[in-house]
Amino acid sequence: MPAGELNSLSVDELQTKSTELRSELFNVRVKQATGQLEDTSQLGSLRRQIARVLTVIREKRGAE
């Protein structure tokens, strides 16, 4: 999800999105550990998405 779309979400929605992404990252890590992960680029992609969401949350909290 691009940062532009994240800016339109509220802080509560962003926190929910962060929780979902962290859960998905956990599942991908488990798949990697068990050898079932085919696309290893998912790990980096999910980490970057989480960082984007956290950055937007910090920006919104600073503006309040």
C-alpha atoms as a PDB file:
ATOM      1  CA  MET A   1       0.000   0.000   0.000  1.00  0.00           C
ATOM      2  CA  PRO A   2       1.549   3.338  -1.039  1.00  0.00           C
ATOM      3  CA  ALA A   3       2.166   6.019   1.578  1.00  0.00           C
ATOM      4  CA  GLY A   4      -0.397   8.281  -0.122  1.00  0.00           C
ATOM      5  CA  GLU A   5      -3.160   5.798   0.645  1.00  0.00           C
ATOM      6  CA  LEU A   6      -1.925   5.428   4.204  1.00  0.00           C
ATOM      7  CA  ASN A   7      -2.259   9.165   4.797  1.00  0.00           C
ATOM      8  CA  SER A   8      -6.011   8.945   4.247  1.00  0.00           C
ATOM      9  CA  LEU A   9      -6.441   6.420   7.086  1.00  0.00           C
ATOM     10  CA  SER A  10      -6.993   7.325  10.740  1.00  0.00           C
ATOM     11  CA  VAL A  11      -4.481   6.450  13.454  1.00  0.00           C
ATOM     12  CA  ASP A  12      -6.713   3.619  14.717  1.00  0.00           C
ATOM     13  CA  GLU A  13      -6.985   2.148  11.217  1.00  0.00           C
ATOM     14  CA  LEU A  14      -3.224   2.442  10.799  1.00  0.00           C
ATOM     15  CA  GLN A  15      -2.617   0.605  14.074  1.00  0.00           C
ATOM     16  CA  THR A  16      -4.952  -2.160  12.910  1.00  0.00           C
ATOM     17  CA  LYS A  17      -3.058  -2.328   9.606  1.00  0.00           C
ATOM     18  CA  SER A  18       0.228  -2.538  11.515  1.00  0.00           C
ATOM     19  CA  THR A  19      -1.085  -5.438  13.597  1.00  0.00           C
ATOM     20  CA  GLU A  20      -2.248  -7.260  10.465  1.00  0.00           C
ATOM     21  CA  LEU A  21       1.113  -6.765   8.764  1.00  0.00           C
ATOM     22  CA  ARG A  22       3.024  -7.971  11.833  1.00  0.00           C
ATOM     23  CA  SER A  23       0.867 -11.090  11.962  1.00  0.00           C
ATOM     24  CA  GLU A  24       1.496 -11.714   8.281  1.00  0.00           C
ATOM     25  CA  LEU A  25       5.242 -11.207   8.814  1.00  0.00           C
ATOM     26  CA  PHE A  26       5.174 -13.791  11.605  1.00  0.00           C
ATOM     27  CA  ASN A  27       3.439 -16.290   9.314  1.00  0.00           C
ATOM     28  CA  VAL A  28       5.977 -15.678   6.550  1.00  0.00           C
ATOM     29  CA  ARG A  29       8.851 -16.180   9.024  1.00  0.00           C
ATOM     30  CA  VAL A  30       7.344 -19.493  10.130  1.00  0.00           C
ATOM     31  CA  LYS A  31       7.061 -20.583   6.506  1.00  0.00           C
ATOM     32  CA  GLN A  32      10.684 -19.630   5.927  1.00  0.00           C
ATOM     33  CA  ALA A  33      11.818 -21.584   8.975  1.00  0.00           C
ATOM     34  CA  THR A  34       9.951 -24.684   7.830  1.00  0.00           C
ATOM     35  CA  GLY A  35      11.201 -24.383   4.264  1.00  0.00           C
ATOM     36  CA  GLN A  36       7.784 -23.697   2.736  1.00  0.00           C
ATOM     37  CA  LEU A  37       8.426 -20.086   1.674  1.00  0.00           C
ATOM     38  CA  GLU A  38       8.907 -19.764  -2.074  1.00  0.00           C
ATOM     39  CA  ASP A  39       9.139 -15.974  -2.427  1.00  0.00           C
ATOM     40  CA  THR A  40      11.732 -14.765   0.065  1.00  0.00           C
ATOM     41  CA  SER A  41      11.288 -11.150  -1.030  1.00  0.00           C
ATOM     42  CA  GLN A  42       8.063 -11.092   1.006  1.00  0.00           C
ATOM     43  CA  LEU A  43      10.092 -10.677   4.187  1.00  0.00           C
ATOM     44  CA  GLY A  44      11.674  -7.405   3.119  1.00  0.00           C
ATOM     45  CA  SER A  45       8.484  -6.151   1.548  1.00  0.00           C
ATOM     46  CA  LEU A  46       6.461  -6.710   4.713  1.00  0.00           C
ATOM     47  CA  ARG A  47       9.114  -5.066   6.866  1.00  0.00           C
ATOM     48  CA  ARG A  48       9.072  -1.984   4.622  1.00  0.00           C
ATOM     49  CA  GLN A  49       5.263  -1.845   4.698  1.00  0.00           C
ATOM     50  CA  ILE A  50       5.300  -1.969   8.502  1.00  0.00           C
ATOM     51  CA  ALA A  51       7.879   0.828   8.565  1.00  0.00           C
ATOM     52  CA  ARG A  52       5.699   2.945   6.250  1.00  0.00           C
ATOM     53  CA  VAL A  53       2.662   2.488   8.471  1.00  0.00           C
ATOM     54  CA  LEU A  54       4.628   3.339  11.619  1.00  0.00           C
ATOM     55  CA  THR A  55       6.076   6.436   9.945  1.00  0.00           C
ATOM     56  CA  VAL A  56       2.625   7.715   8.990  1.00  0.00           C
ATOM     57  CA  ILE A  57       1.365   7.035  12.540  1.00  0.00           C
ATOM     58  CA  ARG A  58       4.242   9.070  13.981  1.00  0.00           C
ATOM     59  CA  GLU A  59       3.607  11.899  11.526  1.00  0.00           C
ATOM     60  CA  LYS A  60      -0.093  12.018  12.412  1.00  0.00           C
ATOM     61  CA  ARG A  61       0.552  11.940  16.161  1.00  0.00           C
ATOM     62  CA  GLY A  62       3.070  14.746  15.825  1.00  0.00           C
ATOM     63  CA  ALA A  63       0.550  16.890  13.947  1.00  0.00           C
ATOM     64  CA  GLU A  64      -2.090  16.586  16.703  1.00  0.00           C
END
